[in-house]
């Protein structure tokens, strides 16, 4: 009888807080909170990209519409996470997992694009045209290129943080679907 009590105590310690069902594994990741963060990040990326869509000599990421489609991906992923906490089902979690994987691939592509844009702005400003500038043109170039470079850095950090959140939620969604073969 003492052995039965010891077995039940060790069993109680190994159970997952909030339940041991696969759906509870996904809910441990707080998908609603992460979803709200991703929705806000998606709106921010999209809104900040609107003034970046200007005519410029430097290659910027808004030329390829990278902040726009990445913002839309973040927004949709966030909505799926919010909805999956309200109504957790296998279909909803599977859709969240699939879109998270697609979004992580998009984030990797966007990071390359933002890095290319930062390097392109630096190259255009300092290497190509800096030697031929007058003082007035130099001041104009700094007022033009510096904010663009700073926004590209913000986009890079935004997508890096969003990518980390997506990877974390991908692991939680994968844990919730134990019989899914990837």
N, C-alpha and C. Protein backbone atom coordinates (compact mmCIF):
# COMPACT_ATOMS: atom_id res chain seq x y z
N UNK A 1 0.82 -1.19 0.00
CA UNK A 1 0.00 0.00 0.00
C UNK A 1 0.86 1.25 0.00
N UNK A 2 1.99 1.19 0.68
CA UNK A 2 2.89 2.34 0.71
C UNK A 2 3.46 2.57 -0.69
N UNK A 3 3.73 1.50 -1.42
CA UNK A 3 4.25 1.62 -2.77
C UNK A 3 3.22 2.26 -3.68
N UNK A 4 1.93 1.95 -3.50
CA UNK A 4 0.87 2.55 -4.31
C UNK A 4 0.79 4.05 -4.08
N UNK A 5 0.92 4.48 -2.83
CA UNK A 5 0.89 5.91 -2.53
C UNK A 5 2.10 6.62 -3.14
N UNK A 6 3.25 6.00 -3.07
CA UNK A 6 4.46 6.60 -3.65
C UNK A 6 4.33 6.71 -5.16
N UNK A 7 3.73 5.71 -5.77
CA UNK A 7 3.55 5.74 -7.22
C UNK A 7 2.57 6.84 -7.61
N UNK A 8 1.50 7.01 -6.83
CA UNK A 8 0.53 8.05 -7.15
C UNK A 8 1.12 9.45 -6.93
N UNK A 9 2.00 9.61 -5.93
CA UNK A 9 2.64 10.91 -5.70
C UNK A 9 3.57 11.25 -6.85
N UNK A 10 4.37 10.29 -7.31
CA UNK A 10 5.28 10.57 -8.42
C UNK A 10 4.51 10.80 -9.71
N UNK A 11 3.35 10.15 -9.84
CA UNK A 11 2.51 10.37 -11.00
C UNK A 11 1.95 11.78 -11.01
N UNK A 12 1.56 12.28 -9.85
CA UNK A 12 1.00 13.63 -9.76
C UNK A 12 2.04 14.69 -10.08
N UNK A 13 3.28 14.42 -9.78
CA UNK A 13 4.34 15.39 -10.04
C UNK A 13 4.62 15.51 -11.54
N UNK A 14 4.48 14.43 -12.28
CA UNK A 14 4.82 14.45 -13.70
C UNK A 14 3.71 14.97 -14.59
N UNK A 15 2.52 15.21 -14.07
CA UNK A 15 1.44 15.69 -14.92
C UNK A 15 1.67 17.15 -15.29
N UNK A 16 1.18 17.53 -16.44
CA UNK A 16 1.35 18.88 -16.95
C UNK A 16 0.33 19.81 -16.31
N UNK A 17 0.79 20.98 -15.90
CA UNK A 17 -0.12 21.93 -15.30
C UNK A 17 -1.11 22.41 -16.35
N UNK A 18 -2.38 22.41 -16.03
CA UNK A 18 -3.40 22.82 -16.97
C UNK A 18 -3.96 21.64 -17.76
N UNK A 19 -3.46 20.47 -17.54
CA UNK A 19 -3.97 19.29 -18.22
C UNK A 19 -2.88 18.61 -19.02
N UNK A 20 -3.09 17.32 -19.25
CA UNK A 20 -2.08 16.57 -20.00
C UNK A 20 -2.54 16.26 -21.41
N UNK A 21 -3.68 16.78 -21.81
CA UNK A 21 -4.17 16.55 -23.16
C UNK A 21 -3.31 17.35 -24.14
N UNK A 22 -3.21 16.90 -25.38
CA UNK A 22 -2.37 17.59 -26.36
C UNK A 22 -2.76 19.06 -26.58
N UNK A 23 -4.04 19.38 -26.53
CA UNK A 23 -4.46 20.77 -26.74
C UNK A 23 -3.94 21.66 -25.62
N UNK A 24 -3.85 21.12 -24.41
CA UNK A 24 -3.36 21.92 -23.29
C UNK A 24 -1.89 22.26 -23.46
N UNK A 25 -1.16 21.44 -24.19
CA UNK A 25 0.25 21.75 -24.47
C UNK A 25 0.36 23.01 -25.32
N UNK A 26 -0.56 23.16 -26.25
CA UNK A 26 -0.57 24.36 -27.08
C UNK A 26 -1.01 25.58 -26.28
N UNK A 27 -1.99 25.39 -25.40
CA UNK A 27 -2.50 26.51 -24.61
C UNK A 27 -1.50 27.00 -23.57
N UNK A 28 -0.52 26.17 -23.21
CA UNK A 28 0.53 26.61 -22.29
C UNK A 28 1.34 27.76 -22.89
N UNK A 29 1.40 27.85 -24.21
CA UNK A 29 2.17 28.89 -24.88
C UNK A 29 1.47 30.23 -24.93
N UNK A 30 0.30 30.33 -24.31
CA UNK A 30 -0.48 31.57 -24.30
C UNK A 30 -0.69 32.11 -25.73
N UNK A 31 -1.39 31.37 -26.59
CA UNK A 31 -1.54 31.80 -27.98
C UNK A 31 -2.28 33.12 -28.13
N UNK A 32 -3.18 33.45 -27.19
CA UNK A 32 -3.89 34.71 -27.31
C UNK A 32 -2.94 35.89 -27.12
N UNK A 33 -2.08 35.81 -26.13
CA UNK A 33 -1.12 36.89 -25.87
C UNK A 33 -0.14 37.03 -27.03
N UNK A 34 0.39 35.92 -27.49
CA UNK A 34 1.32 35.95 -28.62
C UNK A 34 0.59 36.45 -29.86
N UNK A 35 -0.66 36.06 -30.01
CA UNK A 35 -1.45 36.51 -31.16
C UNK A 35 -1.66 38.01 -31.16
N UNK A 36 -1.94 38.58 -30.01
CA UNK A 36 -2.12 40.04 -29.93
C UNK A 36 -0.81 40.74 -30.29
N UNK A 37 0.30 40.22 -29.80
CA UNK A 37 1.60 40.81 -30.12
C UNK A 37 1.87 40.74 -31.62
N UNK A 38 1.59 39.59 -32.23
CA UNK A 38 1.82 39.44 -33.67
C UNK A 38 0.89 40.32 -34.50
N UNK A 39 -0.35 40.48 -34.06
CA UNK A 39 -1.27 41.36 -34.77
C UNK A 39 -0.74 42.80 -34.74
N UNK A 40 -0.30 43.24 -33.57
CA UNK A 40 0.23 44.60 -33.45
C UNK A 40 1.52 44.77 -34.27
N UNK A 41 2.38 43.75 -34.26
CA UNK A 41 3.60 43.82 -35.07
C UNK A 41 3.28 43.86 -36.56
N UNK A 42 2.29 43.09 -36.97
CA UNK A 42 1.88 43.10 -38.37
C UNK A 42 1.33 44.44 -38.80
N UNK A 43 0.49 45.03 -37.96
CA UNK A 43 -0.04 46.36 -38.27
C UNK A 43 1.08 47.38 -38.32
N UNK A 44 2.02 47.28 -37.37
CA UNK A 44 3.15 48.20 -37.34
C UNK A 44 4.02 48.09 -38.58
N UNK A 45 4.34 46.88 -39.00
CA UNK A 45 5.14 46.70 -40.21
C UNK A 45 4.43 47.29 -41.43
N UNK A 46 3.16 47.00 -41.54
CA UNK A 46 2.40 47.49 -42.69
C UNK A 46 2.32 49.02 -42.69
N UNK A 47 2.01 49.60 -41.54
CA UNK A 47 1.84 51.06 -41.46
C UNK A 47 3.16 51.80 -41.64
N UNK A 48 4.25 51.26 -41.08
CA UNK A 48 5.55 51.93 -41.22
C UNK A 48 6.09 51.80 -42.64
N UNK A 49 5.62 50.82 -43.39
CA UNK A 49 6.11 50.63 -44.76
C UNK A 49 5.47 51.61 -45.72
N UNK A 50 4.33 52.17 -45.37
CA UNK A 50 3.65 53.10 -46.29
C UNK A 50 4.51 54.33 -46.57
N UNK A 51 5.06 55.02 -45.56
CA UNK A 51 5.91 56.17 -45.91
C UNK A 51 7.25 55.78 -46.51
N UNK A 52 7.65 54.52 -46.36
CA UNK A 52 8.92 54.07 -46.95
C UNK A 52 8.80 53.87 -48.45
N UNK A 53 7.61 53.79 -48.96
CA UNK A 53 7.40 53.52 -50.38
C UNK A 53 7.58 54.82 -51.17
N UNK A 54 8.81 55.31 -51.23
CA UNK A 54 9.14 56.55 -51.92
C UNK A 54 10.16 56.27 -53.02
N UNK A 55 10.30 57.22 -53.92
CA UNK A 55 11.31 57.11 -54.97
C UNK A 55 12.68 57.40 -54.39
N UNK A 56 13.62 56.49 -54.58
CA UNK A 56 14.95 56.66 -54.01
C UNK A 56 15.98 55.98 -54.90
N UNK A 57 17.21 56.49 -54.82
CA UNK A 57 18.30 55.85 -55.56
C UNK A 57 18.73 54.56 -54.88
N UNK A 58 18.57 54.50 -53.58
CA UNK A 58 18.99 53.33 -52.81
C UNK A 58 17.93 52.23 -52.90
N UNK A 59 18.36 50.99 -52.96
CA UNK A 59 17.40 49.89 -52.94
C UNK A 59 16.83 49.72 -51.53
N UNK A 60 15.51 49.81 -51.41
CA UNK A 60 14.87 49.64 -50.10
C UNK A 60 13.93 48.45 -50.18
N UNK A 61 13.58 47.94 -49.01
CA UNK A 61 12.74 46.74 -48.96
C UNK A 61 11.31 47.01 -49.42
N UNK A 62 10.86 48.25 -49.33
CA UNK A 62 9.50 48.56 -49.76
C UNK A 62 9.37 48.45 -51.28
N UNK A 63 10.49 48.51 -52.01
CA UNK A 63 10.43 48.28 -53.45
C UNK A 63 9.97 46.88 -53.77
N UNK A 64 10.32 45.92 -52.93
CA UNK A 64 9.92 44.53 -53.11
C UNK A 64 8.66 44.19 -52.31
N UNK A 65 8.07 45.17 -51.64
CA UNK A 65 6.87 45.01 -50.82
C UNK A 65 7.07 44.05 -49.66
N UNK A 66 8.30 43.89 -49.21
CA UNK A 66 8.60 42.95 -48.12
C UNK A 66 7.89 43.31 -46.82
N UNK A 67 7.92 44.57 -46.35
CA UNK A 67 7.22 44.85 -45.09
C UNK A 67 5.70 44.67 -45.20
N UNK A 68 5.17 44.86 -46.39
CA UNK A 68 3.72 44.71 -46.56
C UNK A 68 3.30 43.25 -46.41
N UNK A 69 3.94 42.35 -47.17
CA UNK A 69 3.51 40.95 -47.09
C UNK A 69 3.90 40.31 -45.77
N UNK A 70 5.02 40.75 -45.17
CA UNK A 70 5.37 40.21 -43.86
C UNK A 70 4.40 40.69 -42.79
N UNK A 71 3.97 41.95 -42.88
CA UNK A 71 2.97 42.47 -41.95
C UNK A 71 1.65 41.72 -42.06
N UNK A 72 1.27 41.40 -43.29
CA UNK A 72 0.03 40.63 -43.49
C UNK A 72 0.17 39.22 -42.91
N UNK A 73 1.33 38.58 -43.11
CA UNK A 73 1.55 37.25 -42.53
C UNK A 73 1.50 37.29 -41.01
N UNK A 74 2.15 38.28 -40.39
CA UNK A 74 2.11 38.41 -38.94
C UNK A 74 0.67 38.62 -38.46
N UNK A 75 -0.08 39.45 -39.16
CA UNK A 75 -1.46 39.75 -38.77
C UNK A 75 -2.32 38.49 -38.82
N UNK A 76 -2.21 37.73 -39.91
CA UNK A 76 -3.03 36.52 -40.05
C UNK A 76 -2.62 35.47 -39.01
N UNK A 77 -1.31 35.31 -38.79
CA UNK A 77 -0.86 34.35 -37.76
C UNK A 77 -1.39 34.75 -36.39
N UNK A 78 -1.33 36.03 -36.08
CA UNK A 78 -1.84 36.51 -34.81
C UNK A 78 -3.33 36.23 -34.65
N UNK A 79 -4.09 36.47 -35.70
CA UNK A 79 -5.53 36.18 -35.64
C UNK A 79 -5.79 34.69 -35.43
N UNK A 80 -5.02 33.85 -36.11
CA UNK A 80 -5.20 32.40 -35.91
C UNK A 80 -4.88 31.98 -34.49
N UNK A 81 -3.85 32.57 -33.89
CA UNK A 81 -3.51 32.24 -32.51
C UNK A 81 -4.61 32.69 -31.55
N UNK A 82 -5.14 33.87 -31.78
CA UNK A 82 -6.22 34.37 -30.92
C UNK A 82 -7.44 33.46 -31.04
N UNK A 83 -7.80 33.11 -32.26
CA UNK A 83 -8.95 32.23 -32.47
C UNK A 83 -8.71 30.82 -31.94
N UNK A 84 -7.48 30.36 -32.00
CA UNK A 84 -7.21 29.00 -31.53
C UNK A 84 -7.27 28.90 -30.00
N UNK A 85 -7.06 30.01 -29.30
CA UNK A 85 -7.24 29.93 -27.84
C UNK A 85 -8.72 29.99 -27.49
N UNK A 86 -9.49 30.74 -28.27
CA UNK A 86 -10.93 30.82 -28.00
C UNK A 86 -11.63 29.49 -28.31
N UNK A 87 -11.24 28.86 -29.41
CA UNK A 87 -11.86 27.62 -29.83
C UNK A 87 -10.76 26.63 -30.22
N UNK A 88 -10.12 26.01 -29.23
CA UNK A 88 -9.01 25.12 -29.57
C UNK A 88 -9.51 23.81 -30.19
N UNK A 89 -9.15 23.61 -31.43
CA UNK A 89 -9.48 22.37 -32.10
C UNK A 89 -8.26 21.91 -32.89
N UNK A 90 -8.29 20.67 -33.29
CA UNK A 90 -7.15 20.12 -34.03
C UNK A 90 -6.98 20.85 -35.36
N UNK A 91 -8.08 21.18 -36.02
CA UNK A 91 -8.00 21.89 -37.31
C UNK A 91 -7.39 23.29 -37.13
N UNK A 92 -7.80 23.99 -36.09
CA UNK A 92 -7.30 25.34 -35.86
C UNK A 92 -5.81 25.32 -35.51
N UNK A 93 -5.42 24.37 -34.69
CA UNK A 93 -4.00 24.27 -34.31
C UNK A 93 -3.16 23.84 -35.50
N UNK A 94 -3.69 22.97 -36.35
CA UNK A 94 -2.97 22.55 -37.55
C UNK A 94 -2.81 23.73 -38.51
N UNK A 95 -3.86 24.53 -38.66
CA UNK A 95 -3.76 25.72 -39.52
C UNK A 95 -2.74 26.71 -38.95
N UNK A 96 -2.73 26.88 -37.63
CA UNK A 96 -1.75 27.76 -37.00
C UNK A 96 -0.33 27.26 -37.24
N UNK A 97 -0.14 25.94 -37.12
CA UNK A 97 1.18 25.36 -37.34
C UNK A 97 1.62 25.56 -38.78
N UNK A 98 0.73 25.32 -39.73
CA UNK A 98 1.09 25.45 -41.14
C UNK A 98 1.44 26.89 -41.49
N UNK A 99 0.64 27.83 -41.04
CA UNK A 99 0.92 29.23 -41.35
C UNK A 99 2.14 29.74 -40.59
N UNK A 100 2.40 29.19 -39.42
CA UNK A 100 3.61 29.56 -38.69
C UNK A 100 4.85 29.13 -39.44
N UNK A 101 4.83 27.94 -39.99
CA UNK A 101 5.99 27.45 -40.75
C UNK A 101 6.20 28.30 -41.99
N UNK A 102 5.12 28.63 -42.69
CA UNK A 102 5.23 29.49 -43.87
C UNK A 102 5.75 30.87 -43.47
N UNK A 103 5.28 31.39 -42.35
CA UNK A 103 5.71 32.71 -41.89
C UNK A 103 7.17 32.71 -41.46
N UNK A 104 7.64 31.63 -40.86
CA UNK A 104 9.06 31.55 -40.48
C UNK A 104 9.93 31.58 -41.73
N UNK A 105 9.51 30.88 -42.77
CA UNK A 105 10.25 30.92 -44.04
C UNK A 105 10.21 32.34 -44.61
N UNK A 106 9.05 33.00 -44.51
CA UNK A 106 8.93 34.39 -44.95
C UNK A 106 9.81 35.33 -44.15
N UNK A 107 9.92 35.09 -42.84
CA UNK A 107 10.78 35.92 -41.99
C UNK A 107 12.24 35.78 -42.41
N UNK A 108 12.66 34.56 -42.70
CA UNK A 108 14.05 34.36 -43.15
C UNK A 108 14.32 35.10 -44.45
N UNK A 109 13.37 35.02 -45.36
CA UNK A 109 13.50 35.75 -46.62
C UNK A 109 13.51 37.27 -46.39
N UNK A 110 12.67 37.73 -45.48
CA UNK A 110 12.60 39.17 -45.18
C UNK A 110 13.87 39.66 -44.51
N UNK A 111 14.45 38.84 -43.63
CA UNK A 111 15.71 39.24 -42.99
C UNK A 111 16.81 39.45 -44.02
N UNK A 112 16.85 38.58 -45.01
CA UNK A 112 17.83 38.75 -46.09
C UNK A 112 17.55 40.04 -46.85
N UNK A 113 16.28 40.29 -47.14
CA UNK A 113 15.90 41.50 -47.89
C UNK A 113 16.21 42.77 -47.09
N UNK A 114 15.92 42.77 -45.80
CA UNK A 114 16.21 43.95 -44.98
C UNK A 114 17.72 44.17 -44.85
N UNK A 115 18.48 43.10 -44.74
CA UNK A 115 19.94 43.23 -44.68
C UNK A 115 20.49 43.80 -45.99
N UNK A 116 19.94 43.33 -47.09
CA UNK A 116 20.35 43.84 -48.40
C UNK A 116 20.02 45.31 -48.54
N UNK A 117 18.87 45.71 -48.04
CA UNK A 117 18.46 47.12 -48.13
C UNK A 117 19.36 48.00 -47.25
N UNK A 118 19.70 47.53 -46.05
CA UNK A 118 20.58 48.32 -45.17
C UNK A 118 21.95 48.50 -45.83
N UNK A 119 22.48 47.41 -46.38
CA UNK A 119 23.78 47.50 -47.06
C UNK A 119 23.69 48.37 -48.31
N UNK A 120 22.58 48.28 -49.04
CA UNK A 120 22.40 49.10 -50.25
C UNK A 120 22.31 50.58 -49.94
N UNK A 121 21.62 50.92 -48.87
CA UNK A 121 21.52 52.34 -48.47
C UNK A 121 22.89 52.86 -48.06
N UNK A 122 23.61 52.07 -47.30
CA UNK A 122 24.96 52.48 -46.90
C UNK A 122 25.85 52.66 -48.12
N UNK A 123 25.78 51.72 -49.03
CA UNK A 123 26.62 51.78 -50.23
C UNK A 123 26.25 53.00 -51.08
N UNK A 124 24.97 53.25 -51.28
CA UNK A 124 24.53 54.37 -52.09
C UNK A 124 24.93 55.69 -51.46
N UNK A 125 24.78 55.81 -50.16
CA UNK A 125 25.06 57.08 -49.50
C UNK A 125 26.55 57.35 -49.36
N UNK A 126 27.30 56.40 -48.84
CA UNK A 126 28.70 56.67 -48.49
C UNK A 126 29.69 56.35 -49.59
N UNK A 127 29.42 55.38 -50.42
CA UNK A 127 30.43 54.95 -51.38
C UNK A 127 30.22 55.57 -52.75
N UNK A 128 28.99 55.50 -53.27
CA UNK A 128 28.76 55.95 -54.64
C UNK A 128 28.83 57.47 -54.82
N UNK A 129 28.17 58.20 -53.95
CA UNK A 129 27.98 59.62 -54.23
C UNK A 129 28.60 60.57 -53.22
N UNK A 130 29.17 60.08 -52.15
CA UNK A 130 29.65 60.98 -51.10
C UNK A 130 30.82 61.84 -51.56
N UNK A 131 31.68 61.36 -52.43
CA UNK A 131 32.84 62.13 -52.87
C UNK A 131 32.46 63.36 -53.68
N UNK A 132 31.35 63.33 -54.37
CA UNK A 132 30.96 64.42 -55.25
C UNK A 132 29.96 65.38 -54.61
N UNK A 133 29.70 65.26 -53.33
CA UNK A 133 28.69 66.09 -52.68
C UNK A 133 29.23 67.46 -52.31
N UNK A 134 28.36 68.45 -52.43
CA UNK A 134 28.62 69.74 -51.80
C UNK A 134 28.09 69.65 -50.38
N UNK A 135 28.31 70.68 -49.61
CA UNK A 135 27.87 70.63 -48.21
C UNK A 135 26.35 70.54 -48.11
N UNK A 136 25.67 71.26 -48.98
CA UNK A 136 24.20 71.22 -48.97
C UNK A 136 23.68 69.86 -49.41
N UNK A 137 24.27 69.27 -50.43
CA UNK A 137 23.86 67.94 -50.89
C UNK A 137 24.16 66.88 -49.84
N UNK A 138 25.25 67.04 -49.12
CA UNK A 138 25.60 66.10 -48.06
C UNK A 138 24.56 66.13 -46.94
N UNK A 139 24.13 67.34 -46.59
CA UNK A 139 23.12 67.47 -45.54
C UNK A 139 21.78 66.86 -45.99
N UNK A 140 21.42 67.11 -47.27
CA UNK A 140 20.19 66.54 -47.80
C UNK A 140 20.27 65.00 -47.81
N UNK A 141 21.41 64.47 -48.24
CA UNK A 141 21.57 63.02 -48.32
C UNK A 141 21.46 62.39 -46.94
N UNK A 142 22.05 63.00 -45.93
CA UNK A 142 21.93 62.44 -44.58
C UNK A 142 20.50 62.50 -44.08
N UNK A 143 19.79 63.58 -44.41
CA UNK A 143 18.38 63.67 -43.99
C UNK A 143 17.51 62.69 -44.76
N UNK A 144 17.94 62.29 -45.92
CA UNK A 144 17.16 61.37 -46.74
C UNK A 144 17.50 59.91 -46.44
N UNK A 145 18.78 59.57 -46.39
CA UNK A 145 19.19 58.18 -46.25
C UNK A 145 19.20 57.67 -44.82
N UNK A 146 19.49 58.52 -43.86
CA UNK A 146 19.56 58.07 -42.47
C UNK A 146 18.22 57.56 -41.95
N UNK A 147 17.11 58.28 -42.16
CA UNK A 147 15.82 57.73 -41.71
C UNK A 147 15.43 56.43 -42.43
N UNK A 148 15.79 56.33 -43.71
CA UNK A 148 15.48 55.09 -44.44
C UNK A 148 16.27 53.93 -43.85
N UNK A 149 17.54 54.15 -43.56
CA UNK A 149 18.36 53.09 -42.97
C UNK A 149 17.83 52.71 -41.59
N UNK A 150 17.43 53.71 -40.80
CA UNK A 150 16.89 53.42 -39.47
C UNK A 150 15.59 52.62 -39.54
N UNK A 151 14.74 52.94 -40.50
CA UNK A 151 13.50 52.16 -40.64
C UNK A 151 13.78 50.73 -41.09
N UNK A 152 14.77 50.56 -41.94
CA UNK A 152 15.14 49.20 -42.34
C UNK A 152 15.67 48.41 -41.14
N UNK A 153 16.40 49.07 -40.26
CA UNK A 153 16.88 48.41 -39.05
C UNK A 153 15.70 48.05 -38.14
N UNK A 154 14.72 48.94 -38.04
CA UNK A 154 13.51 48.65 -37.25
C UNK A 154 12.77 47.46 -37.86
N UNK A 155 12.64 47.43 -39.19
CA UNK A 155 11.99 46.30 -39.85
C UNK A 155 12.75 45.01 -39.57
N UNK A 156 14.08 45.07 -39.61
CA UNK A 156 14.90 43.89 -39.35
C UNK A 156 14.65 43.37 -37.94
N UNK A 157 14.67 44.28 -36.94
CA UNK A 157 14.43 43.88 -35.55
C UNK A 157 13.01 43.36 -35.36
N UNK A 158 12.04 44.03 -36.00
CA UNK A 158 10.65 43.59 -35.93
C UNK A 158 10.50 42.15 -36.43
N UNK A 159 11.09 41.88 -37.58
CA UNK A 159 10.94 40.55 -38.15
C UNK A 159 11.73 39.51 -37.35
N UNK A 160 12.85 39.91 -36.77
CA UNK A 160 13.62 38.98 -35.95
C UNK A 160 12.82 38.58 -34.70
N UNK A 161 12.21 39.54 -34.03
CA UNK A 161 11.40 39.26 -32.84
C UNK A 161 10.17 38.44 -33.22
N UNK A 162 9.51 38.82 -34.31
CA UNK A 162 8.36 38.06 -34.78
C UNK A 162 8.72 36.64 -35.15
N UNK A 163 9.90 36.46 -35.75
CA UNK A 163 10.35 35.12 -36.11
C UNK A 163 10.58 34.24 -34.89
N UNK A 164 11.14 34.83 -33.84
CA UNK A 164 11.35 34.07 -32.60
C UNK A 164 10.01 33.65 -32.00
N UNK A 165 9.05 34.57 -31.97
CA UNK A 165 7.72 34.24 -31.46
C UNK A 165 7.06 33.14 -32.29
N UNK A 166 7.22 33.22 -33.60
CA UNK A 166 6.62 32.21 -34.47
C UNK A 166 7.26 30.84 -34.27
N UNK A 167 8.57 30.81 -34.08
CA UNK A 167 9.25 29.52 -33.85
C UNK A 167 8.79 28.91 -32.53
N UNK A 168 8.66 29.74 -31.49
CA UNK A 168 8.20 29.23 -30.20
C UNK A 168 6.79 28.66 -30.32
N UNK A 169 5.91 29.40 -30.98
CA UNK A 169 4.54 28.91 -31.12
C UNK A 169 4.46 27.70 -32.05
N UNK A 170 5.39 27.58 -32.99
CA UNK A 170 5.44 26.39 -33.83
C UNK A 170 5.75 25.16 -33.00
N UNK A 171 6.68 25.31 -32.04
CA UNK A 171 6.99 24.17 -31.16
C UNK A 171 5.80 23.81 -30.28
N UNK A 172 5.08 24.81 -29.76
CA UNK A 172 3.90 24.50 -28.94
C UNK A 172 2.81 23.84 -29.78
N UNK A 173 2.61 24.33 -31.01
CA UNK A 173 1.59 23.72 -31.88
C UNK A 173 1.98 22.30 -32.26
N UNK A 174 3.26 22.07 -32.48
CA UNK A 174 3.73 20.73 -32.80
C UNK A 174 3.55 19.78 -31.63
N UNK A 175 3.75 20.28 -30.40
CA UNK A 175 3.55 19.45 -29.21
C UNK A 175 2.07 19.12 -29.03
N UNK A 176 1.19 19.97 -29.52
CA UNK A 176 -0.25 19.73 -29.37
C UNK A 176 -0.76 18.72 -30.38
N UNK A 177 0.01 18.46 -31.41
CA UNK A 177 -0.40 17.52 -32.44
C UNK A 177 0.58 16.35 -32.47
N UNK A 178 0.46 15.43 -31.49
CA UNK A 178 1.48 14.38 -31.35
C UNK A 178 1.49 13.38 -32.48
N UNK A 179 0.39 13.21 -33.17
CA UNK A 179 0.33 12.19 -34.20
C UNK A 179 0.48 12.76 -35.61
N UNK A 180 0.85 14.02 -35.68
CA UNK A 180 1.06 14.66 -36.97
C UNK A 180 2.46 14.30 -37.46
N UNK A 181 2.54 13.82 -38.66
CA UNK A 181 3.83 13.42 -39.23
C UNK A 181 4.33 14.57 -40.09
N UNK A 182 5.53 15.06 -39.75
CA UNK A 182 6.13 16.14 -40.53
C UNK A 182 7.27 15.63 -41.36
